[in-house]
Every structure is written in C-alpha cells, then in structure tokens.
C-alpha cells in the first residue's frame, strides 16, 4: 500500500514516514512544501512530491494519484495567525479531501484536534477558537463523503520519546501524548480496516497501541 502523507515535514509526519518505510507492507510518498525538505525522506527511501497546501486543488490531485491512502497531518502551527489557520487547517484539509475523491483514492486518515465538537468551540479561548472551528468543519466535510475515513483526535502533543502505549476511545480524559505515539496510532489504523468509519480520542495510557486500536 502506498500512502501519501500530507504535512510530512511536520514532526508527526516525519515519524510516520520512517515507520512506514520500516514496515513490510507500506511505502510512503511524502508531500512537502519545499524541495530542500526532501533529503530527510530520500534518505529513508521514500518518494517525495513538492506541493503547497495553498496551491489549487489540481496540484494536490497530482500528488494523490497512484496512492492507496492519504494521511492528513498538516497544520498551520502555533506561531501563525488566523489567516494560516484558515488556509491550512480548513481550506488545505478540504482541498485534500476533494483531491482524494477526484483521484479516486478511498482511504483517508485525518489528524484532527482533541475535541472539535460545537461545545469545544464555545469553550475555547479567543486565540484557540479559530483552530477548533477550522478542524470542526474539516472533520464535518470528511464525514459527509463516501471516503473510507478515520478521524484521530490526539491529546496535547509532546516531543517525549513515546512508550507505544495509549488510551483510545470515543471520549477519554484530556491528557498528553507523544507525537511518536500518534504516528504509531496512524500506522496501526492504516493496517487495520476495522478502523474505517471510526473516530476517537487518544492520549498516553497503558494499552499497547495495537490492542488499544483493535479494541475500538
């Protein structure tokens, strides 16, 4: 299975590409914004494609052609303004969903925010609310499609090494999770068709990733 990772140069994306390249059944195509980002992925033996999420949908369609699954891990980041939140986390996500449909790829995994329900928007701080709004509507768009989707809602992301153990369910107590463990969760979902049509929150916990995902 060939997997397009959108936002591959992010920390979760880099972990995921390496895990995919280390697997026996998957191979990665890393979607990056700049040519100078390619070396890391080429050293792993991964294919790269240079596309900016602010480009038109046709550019993303070309990146998507010939793959079997798409993983959206892109994000505008905490140090950008509301404009980039709108352009990347909302418009970029929706363009990627549309491109996946046009390219006739069925499998789509979305890395969302921990809680994107309407109630979470109302409770969010003024600075965080635009991000939750963007994720809310991107998730809604994905749910409305015929894609074989999985929506993953990770807790507060950290750069800890990761333990390979998580807690995953429709709702869990808010907590932290290492980015490396989020990548492990994505990899497990790619390998498990039982996760199609499912949506769950995930934080650090006591269950091995595979067991936690198999138990959803």
C-alpha atoms as a PDB file:
ATOM      1  CA  UNK A   1       0.000   0.000   0.000  1.00  0.00           C
ATOM      2  CA  UNK A   2       1.363   3.410  -0.975  1.00  0.00           C
ATOM      3  CA  UNK A   3       0.460   6.214   1.432  1.00  0.00           C
ATOM      4  CA  UNK A   4       0.544   9.961   0.769  1.00  0.00           C
ATOM      5  CA  UNK A   5       1.470  11.856   3.920  1.00  0.00           C
ATOM      6  CA  UNK A   6       0.280  15.458   3.722  1.00  0.00           C
ATOM      7  CA  UNK A   7       2.332  17.542   6.124  1.00  0.00           C
ATOM      8  CA  UNK A   8       5.165  15.033   6.012  1.00  0.00           C
ATOM      9  CA  UNK A   9       7.764  17.551   7.156  1.00  0.00           C
ATOM     10  CA  UNK A  10       5.972  18.056  10.467  1.00  0.00           C
ATOM     11  CA  UNK A  11       7.100  16.095  13.493  1.00  0.00           C
ATOM     12  CA  UNK A  12       4.293  13.526  13.352  1.00  0.00           C
ATOM     13  CA  UNK A  13       4.772  13.243   9.597  1.00  0.00           C
ATOM     14  CA  UNK A  14       8.482  12.540   9.877  1.00  0.00           C
ATOM     15  CA  UNK A  15       7.919   9.815  12.472  1.00  0.00           C
ATOM     16  CA  UNK A  16       5.180   8.294  10.313  1.00  0.00           C
ATOM     17  CA  UNK A  17       7.209   8.243   7.107  1.00  0.00           C
ATOM     18  CA  UNK A  18      10.052   6.452   8.901  1.00  0.00           C
ATOM     19  CA  UNK A  19       7.660   3.888  10.406  1.00  0.00           C
ATOM     20  CA  UNK A  20       6.034   3.275   7.041  1.00  0.00           C
ATOM     21  CA  UNK A  21       9.399   2.825   5.346  1.00  0.00           C
ATOM     22  CA  UNK A  22      10.396   0.378   8.079  1.00  0.00           C
ATOM     23  CA  UNK A  23       7.227  -1.680   7.543  1.00  0.00           C
ATOM     24  CA  UNK A  24       6.999  -4.610   5.163  1.00  0.00           C
ATOM     25  CA  UNK A  25       3.659  -3.793   3.547  1.00  0.00           C
ATOM     26  CA  UNK A  26       3.558   0.013   3.232  1.00  0.00           C
ATOM     27  CA  UNK A  27       5.512   2.651   1.365  1.00  0.00           C
ATOM     28  CA  UNK A  28       5.396   6.412   1.769  1.00  0.00           C
ATOM     29  CA  UNK A  29       5.035   9.350  -0.564  1.00  0.00           C
ATOM     30  CA  UNK A  30       5.939  12.463   1.414  1.00  0.00           C
ATOM     31  CA  UNK A  31       4.177  15.681   0.408  1.00  0.00           C
ATOM     32  CA  UNK A  32       6.412  18.622   1.300  1.00  0.00           C
ATOM     33  CA  UNK A  33       6.328  22.378   0.639  1.00  0.00           C
ATOM     34  CA  UNK A  34       9.970  22.932  -0.314  1.00  0.00           C
ATOM     35  CA  UNK A  35      12.500  20.956  -2.336  1.00  0.00           C
ATOM     36  CA  UNK A  36      15.133  21.453   0.361  1.00  0.00           C
ATOM     37  CA  UNK A  37      12.987  19.366   2.738  1.00  0.00           C
ATOM     38  CA  UNK A  38      13.336  16.291   0.523  1.00  0.00           C
ATOM     39  CA  UNK A  39      16.694  14.960   1.723  1.00  0.00           C
ATOM     40  CA  UNK A  40      15.389  13.520   5.005  1.00  0.00           C
ATOM     41  CA  UNK A  41      12.772  11.477   3.157  1.00  0.00           C
ATOM     42  CA  UNK A  42      15.034  10.441   0.308  1.00  0.00           C
ATOM     43  CA  UNK A  43      17.500   9.075   2.878  1.00  0.00           C
ATOM     44  CA  UNK A  44      14.664   6.849   4.113  1.00  0.00           C
ATOM     45  CA  UNK A  45      13.965   5.684   0.566  1.00  0.00           C
ATOM     46  CA  UNK A  46      10.628   7.492   0.460  1.00  0.00           C
ATOM     47  CA  UNK A  47       9.188   9.168  -2.609  1.00  0.00           C
ATOM     48  CA  UNK A  48       8.642  12.929  -2.334  1.00  0.00           C
ATOM     49  CA  UNK A  49       6.330  15.399  -4.058  1.00  0.00           C
ATOM     50  CA  UNK A  50       6.532  19.169  -3.642  1.00  0.00           C
ATOM     51  CA  UNK A  51       3.099  20.788  -3.214  1.00  0.00           C
ATOM     52  CA  UNK A  52       2.000  23.723  -1.056  1.00  0.00           C
ATOM     53  CA  UNK A  53      -1.410  23.321   0.574  1.00  0.00           C
ATOM     54  CA  UNK A  54      -2.126  26.873  -0.533  1.00  0.00           C
ATOM     55  CA  UNK A  55      -1.842  25.710  -4.159  1.00  0.00           C
ATOM     56  CA  UNK A  56      -5.002  24.860  -6.066  1.00  0.00           C
ATOM     57  CA  UNK A  57      -6.749  21.522  -5.733  1.00  0.00           C
ATOM     58  CA  UNK A  58      -5.328  20.247  -9.038  1.00  0.00           C
ATOM     59  CA  UNK A  59      -1.807  20.308  -7.592  1.00  0.00           C
ATOM     60  CA  UNK A  60      -2.921  18.127  -4.692  1.00  0.00           C
ATOM     61  CA  UNK A  61      -4.753  15.785  -7.086  1.00  0.00           C
ATOM     62  CA  UNK A  62      -1.488  15.194  -8.950  1.00  0.00           C
ATOM     63  CA  UNK A  63       0.260  14.376  -5.668  1.00  0.00           C
ATOM     64  CA  UNK A  64      -2.523  11.955  -4.757  1.00  0.00           C
ATOM     65  CA  UNK A  65      -2.669   9.970  -7.983  1.00  0.00           C
ATOM     66  CA  UNK A  66      -1.352   6.439  -7.701  1.00  0.00           C
ATOM     67  CA  UNK A  67      -1.587   6.087  -3.927  1.00  0.00           C
ATOM     68  CA  UNK A  68      -3.866   3.833  -1.906  1.00  0.00           C
ATOM     69  CA  UNK A  69      -4.360   6.035   1.142  1.00  0.00           C
ATOM     70  CA  UNK A  70      -3.977   9.652   2.258  1.00  0.00           C
ATOM     71  CA  UNK A  71      -2.999  10.814   5.738  1.00  0.00           C
ATOM     72  CA  UNK A  72      -3.566  14.485   6.591  1.00  0.00           C
ATOM     73  CA  UNK A  73      -1.126  15.526   9.326  1.00  0.00           C
ATOM     74  CA  UNK A  74      -0.621  19.130   8.205  1.00  0.00           C
ATOM     75  CA  UNK A  75      -1.188  22.094  10.490  1.00  0.00           C
ATOM     76  CA  UNK A  76      -0.507  25.802  10.450  1.00  0.00           C
ATOM     77  CA  UNK A  77       1.386  25.586  13.742  1.00  0.00           C
ATOM     78  CA  UNK A  78       1.034  27.562  16.995  1.00  0.00           C
ATOM     79  CA  UNK A  79       3.029  30.591  15.862  1.00  0.00           C
ATOM     80  CA  UNK A  80       0.986  31.570  12.823  1.00  0.00           C
ATOM     81  CA  UNK A  81      -2.051  33.820  12.604  1.00  0.00           C
ATOM     82  CA  UNK A  82      -5.719  33.156  11.946  1.00  0.00           C
ATOM     83  CA  UNK A  83      -5.073  33.561   8.225  1.00  0.00           C
ATOM     84  CA  UNK A  84      -2.849  30.476   8.078  1.00  0.00           C
ATOM     85  CA  UNK A  85      -5.264  28.539  10.290  1.00  0.00           C
ATOM     86  CA  UNK A  86      -7.947  29.245   7.692  1.00  0.00           C
ATOM     87  CA  UNK A  87      -5.720  28.466   4.699  1.00  0.00           C
ATOM     88  CA  UNK A  88      -4.078  25.267   6.019  1.00  0.00           C
ATOM     89  CA  UNK A  89      -6.239  23.667   8.709  1.00  0.00           C
ATOM     90  CA  UNK A  90      -9.533  24.375   6.943  1.00  0.00           C
ATOM     91  CA  UNK A  91      -9.065  25.129   3.247  1.00  0.00           C
ATOM     92  CA  UNK A  92      -5.995  22.898   2.894  1.00  0.00           C
ATOM     93  CA  UNK A  93      -7.783  19.996   4.551  1.00  0.00           C
ATOM     94  CA  UNK A  94     -10.912  20.375   2.443  1.00  0.00           C
ATOM     95  CA  UNK A  95      -8.892  20.666  -0.774  1.00  0.00           C
ATOM     96  CA  UNK A  96      -7.048  17.488   0.196  1.00  0.00           C
ATOM     97  CA  UNK A  97     -10.344  15.681   0.811  1.00  0.00           C
ATOM     98  CA  UNK A  98     -11.637  16.822  -2.577  1.00  0.00           C
ATOM     99  CA  UNK A  99      -8.378  15.847  -4.284  1.00  0.00           C
ATOM    100  CA  UNK A 100      -8.590  12.384  -2.726  1.00  0.00           C
ATOM    101  CA  UNK A 101     -12.082  11.961  -4.146  1.00  0.00           C
ATOM    102  CA  UNK A 102     -11.049  13.215  -7.595  1.00  0.00           C
ATOM    103  CA  UNK A 103      -8.059  10.851  -7.640  1.00  0.00           C
ATOM    104  CA  UNK A 104     -10.442   8.013  -6.690  1.00  0.00           C
ATOM    105  CA  UNK A 105      -8.494   7.100  -3.579  1.00  0.00           C
ATOM    106  CA  UNK A 106     -10.793   5.707  -0.882  1.00  0.00           C
ATOM    107  CA  UNK A 107      -8.758   5.574   2.345  1.00  0.00           C
ATOM    108  CA  UNK A 108      -8.297   8.824   4.290  1.00  0.00           C
ATOM    109  CA  UNK A 109      -6.957   9.359   7.800  1.00  0.00           C
ATOM    110  CA  UNK A 110      -7.390  12.775   9.404  1.00  0.00           C
ATOM    111  CA  UNK A 111      -5.334  14.000  12.341  1.00  0.00           C
ATOM    112  CA  UNK A 112      -7.685  16.436  13.991  1.00  0.00           C
ATOM    113  CA  UNK A 113      -7.748  18.334  17.277  1.00  0.00           C
ATOM    114  CA  UNK A 114      -8.608  16.629  20.581  1.00  0.00           C
ATOM    115  CA  UNK A 115     -12.175  17.936  20.670  1.00  0.00           C
ATOM    116  CA  UNK A 116     -13.832  19.523  17.644  1.00  0.00           C
ATOM    117  CA  UNK A 117     -17.435  19.368  18.802  1.00  0.00           C
ATOM    118  CA  UNK A 118     -19.535  22.548  18.780  1.00  0.00           C
ATOM    119  CA  UNK A 119     -19.265  22.702  22.580  1.00  0.00           C
ATOM    120  CA  UNK A 120     -15.474  22.798  22.326  1.00  0.00           C
ATOM    121  CA  UNK A 121     -15.638  25.842  20.061  1.00  0.00           C
ATOM    122  CA  UNK A 122     -17.798  27.692  22.585  1.00  0.00           C
ATOM    123  CA  UNK A 123     -15.426  26.816  25.439  1.00  0.00           C
ATOM    124  CA  UNK A 124     -12.169  27.587  23.593  1.00  0.00           C
ATOM    125  CA  UNK A 125     -10.138  30.710  24.301  1.00  0.00           C
ATOM    126  CA  UNK A 126     -10.316  33.557  21.785  1.00  0.00           C
ATOM    127  CA  UNK A 127      -6.893  32.656  20.403  1.00  0.00           C
ATOM    128  CA  UNK A 128      -7.611  28.908  20.117  1.00  0.00           C
ATOM    129  CA  UNK A 129     -11.200  29.036  18.862  1.00  0.00           C
ATOM    130  CA  UNK A 130     -10.316  29.679  15.180  1.00  0.00           C
ATOM    131  CA  UNK A 131      -8.221  26.497  15.140  1.00  0.00           C
ATOM    132  CA  UNK A 132     -11.047  24.438  16.658  1.00  0.00           C
ATOM    133  CA  UNK A 133     -13.503  25.949  14.166  1.00  0.00           C
ATOM    134  CA  UNK A 134     -11.217  25.009  11.261  1.00  0.00           C
ATOM    135  CA  UNK A 135     -10.863  21.444  12.497  1.00  0.00           C
ATOM    136  CA  UNK A 136     -14.596  21.193  13.232  1.00  0.00           C
ATOM    137  CA  UNK A 137     -15.605  21.997   9.667  1.00  0.00           C
ATOM    138  CA  UNK A 138     -12.808  19.934   8.100  1.00  0.00           C
ATOM    139  CA  UNK A 139     -13.996  16.938  10.126  1.00  0.00           C
ATOM    140  CA  UNK A 140     -17.611  17.610   9.122  1.00  0.00           C
ATOM    141  CA  UNK A 141     -16.624  17.707   5.466  1.00  0.00           C
ATOM    142  CA  UNK A 142     -14.802  14.377   5.750  1.00  0.00           C
ATOM    143  CA  UNK A 143     -17.757  12.716   7.496  1.00  0.00           C
ATOM    144  CA  UNK A 144     -20.042  13.807   4.648  1.00  0.00           C
ATOM    145  CA  UNK A 145     -18.009  11.984   1.996  1.00  0.00           C
ATOM    146  CA  UNK A 146     -18.001   8.369   0.846  1.00  0.00           C
ATOM    147  CA  UNK A 147     -14.315   8.035   1.723  1.00  0.00           C
ATOM    148  CA  UNK A 148     -13.138   5.223   3.991  1.00  0.00           C
ATOM    149  CA  UNK A 149     -12.121   7.654   6.703  1.00  0.00           C
ATOM    150  CA  UNK A 150     -10.726   7.515  10.202  1.00  0.00           C
ATOM    151  CA  UNK A 151     -10.554  10.657  12.344  1.00  0.00           C
ATOM    152  CA  UNK A 152      -7.966  10.677  15.113  1.00  0.00           C
ATOM    153  CA  UNK A 153      -8.233  13.244  17.931  1.00  0.00           C
ATOM    154  CA  UNK A 154      -4.897  13.285  19.814  1.00  0.00           C
ATOM    155  CA  UNK A 155      -4.372  14.957  23.150  1.00  0.00           C
ATOM    156  CA  UNK A 156      -1.744  17.586  23.909  1.00  0.00           C
ATOM    157  CA  UNK A 157       1.252  16.752  21.723  1.00  0.00           C
ATOM    158  CA  UNK A 158       4.707  16.367  23.257  1.00  0.00           C
ATOM    159  CA  UNK A 159       8.161  15.534  21.959  1.00  0.00           C
ATOM    160  CA  UNK A 160       8.719  12.779  24.514  1.00  0.00           C
ATOM    161  CA  UNK A 161      10.175   9.567  23.132  1.00  0.00           C
ATOM    162  CA  UNK A 162       6.907   7.701  23.398  1.00  0.00           C
ATOM    163  CA  UNK A 163       6.072   4.413  25.060  1.00  0.00           C
ATOM    164  CA  UNK A 164       3.957   2.654  22.450  1.00  0.00           C
ATOM    165  CA  UNK A 165       1.126   2.659  24.992  1.00  0.00           C
ATOM    166  CA  UNK A 166      -2.045   4.722  24.726  1.00  0.00           C
ATOM    167  CA  UNK A 167      -5.647   5.084  25.813  1.00  0.00           C
ATOM    168  CA  UNK A 168      -8.102   5.336  22.929  1.00  0.00           C
ATOM    169  CA  UNK A 169     -11.890   5.613  22.944  1.00  0.00           C
ATOM    170  CA  UNK A 170     -14.697   7.785  21.624  1.00  0.00           C
ATOM    171  CA  UNK A 171     -14.010  10.087  24.559  1.00  0.00           C
ATOM    172  CA  UNK A 172     -11.143   9.991  27.064  1.00  0.00           C
ATOM    173  CA  UNK A 173      -9.873  12.348  29.731  1.00  0.00           C
ATOM    174  CA  UNK A 174      -7.779  15.132  28.244  1.00  0.00           C
ATOM    175  CA  UNK A 175      -4.063  14.423  28.521  1.00  0.00           C
ATOM    176  CA  UNK A 176      -0.749  14.399  26.700  1.00  0.00           C
ATOM    177  CA  UNK A 177       0.575  12.080  24.018  1.00  0.00           C
ATOM    178  CA  UNK A 178       4.000  11.941  22.357  1.00  0.00           C
ATOM    179  CA  UNK A 179       3.981  12.721  18.647  1.00  0.00           C
ATOM    180  CA  UNK A 180       5.804   9.451  18.010  1.00  0.00           C
ATOM    181  CA  UNK A 181       2.919   7.525  19.573  1.00  0.00           C
ATOM    182  CA  UNK A 182       0.433   9.424  17.397  1.00  0.00           C
ATOM    183  CA  UNK A 183       2.429   8.221  14.386  1.00  0.00           C
ATOM    184  CA  UNK A 184       2.212   4.656  15.736  1.00  0.00           C
ATOM    185  CA  UNK A 185      -1.564   5.041  16.023  1.00  0.00           C
ATOM    186  CA  UNK A 186      -1.802   6.240  12.410  1.00  0.00           C
ATOM    187  CA  UNK A 187       0.309   3.330  11.209  1.00  0.00           C
ATOM    188  CA  UNK A 188      -1.901   0.865  13.083  1.00  0.00           C
ATOM    189  CA  UNK A 189      -5.035   2.404  11.561  1.00  0.00           C
ATOM    190  CA  UNK A 190      -3.548   2.068   8.077  1.00  0.00           C
ATOM    191  CA  UNK A 191      -3.000  -1.624   8.752  1.00  0.00           C
ATOM    192  CA  UNK A 192      -6.459  -2.208  10.262  1.00  0.00           C
ATOM    193  CA  UNK A 193      -9.536  -1.800   8.051  1.00  0.00           C
ATOM    194  CA  UNK A 194     -11.733  -2.164  11.142  1.00  0.00           C
ATOM    195  CA  UNK A 195     -10.872   1.481  11.900  1.00  0.00           C
ATOM    196  CA  UNK A 196     -12.701   2.663   8.762  1.00  0.00           C
ATOM    197  CA  UNK A 197     -15.615   4.912   9.715  1.00  0.00           C
ATOM    198  CA  UNK A 198     -14.331   5.340  13.259  1.00  0.00           C
ATOM    199  CA  UNK A 199     -13.419   8.471  15.176  1.00  0.00           C
ATOM    200  CA  UNK A 200     -11.660   8.502  18.516  1.00  0.00           C
ATOM    201  CA  UNK A 201      -9.632  10.470  21.041  1.00  0.00           C
ATOM    202  CA  UNK A 202      -6.223   9.186  22.079  1.00  0.00           C
ATOM    203  CA  UNK A 203      -3.812  10.065  24.872  1.00  0.00           C
ATOM    204  CA  UNK A 204      -0.921   8.339  26.614  1.00  0.00           C
ATOM    205  CA  UNK A 205      -2.096   5.266  28.510  1.00  0.00           C
ATOM    206  CA  UNK A 206      -1.392   1.691  29.493  1.00  0.00           C
ATOM    207  CA  UNK A 207      -2.520  -0.298  26.438  1.00  0.00           C
ATOM    208  CA  UNK A 208      -0.206  -1.276  23.621  1.00  0.00           C
ATOM    209  CA  UNK A 209      -1.181   0.739  20.543  1.00  0.00           C
ATOM    210  CA  UNK A 210      -2.307  -2.286  18.534  1.00  0.00           C
ATOM    211  CA  UNK A 211      -4.504  -3.592  21.349  1.00  0.00           C
ATOM    212  CA  UNK A 212      -5.996  -0.161  22.005  1.00  0.00           C
ATOM    213  CA  UNK A 213      -6.887   0.349  18.340  1.00  0.00           C
ATOM    214  CA  UNK A 214      -8.153  -3.214  17.882  1.00  0.00           C
ATOM    215  CA  UNK A 215     -10.475  -2.653  20.870  1.00  0.00           C
ATOM    216  CA  UNK A 216     -12.200   0.412  19.456  1.00  0.00           C
END
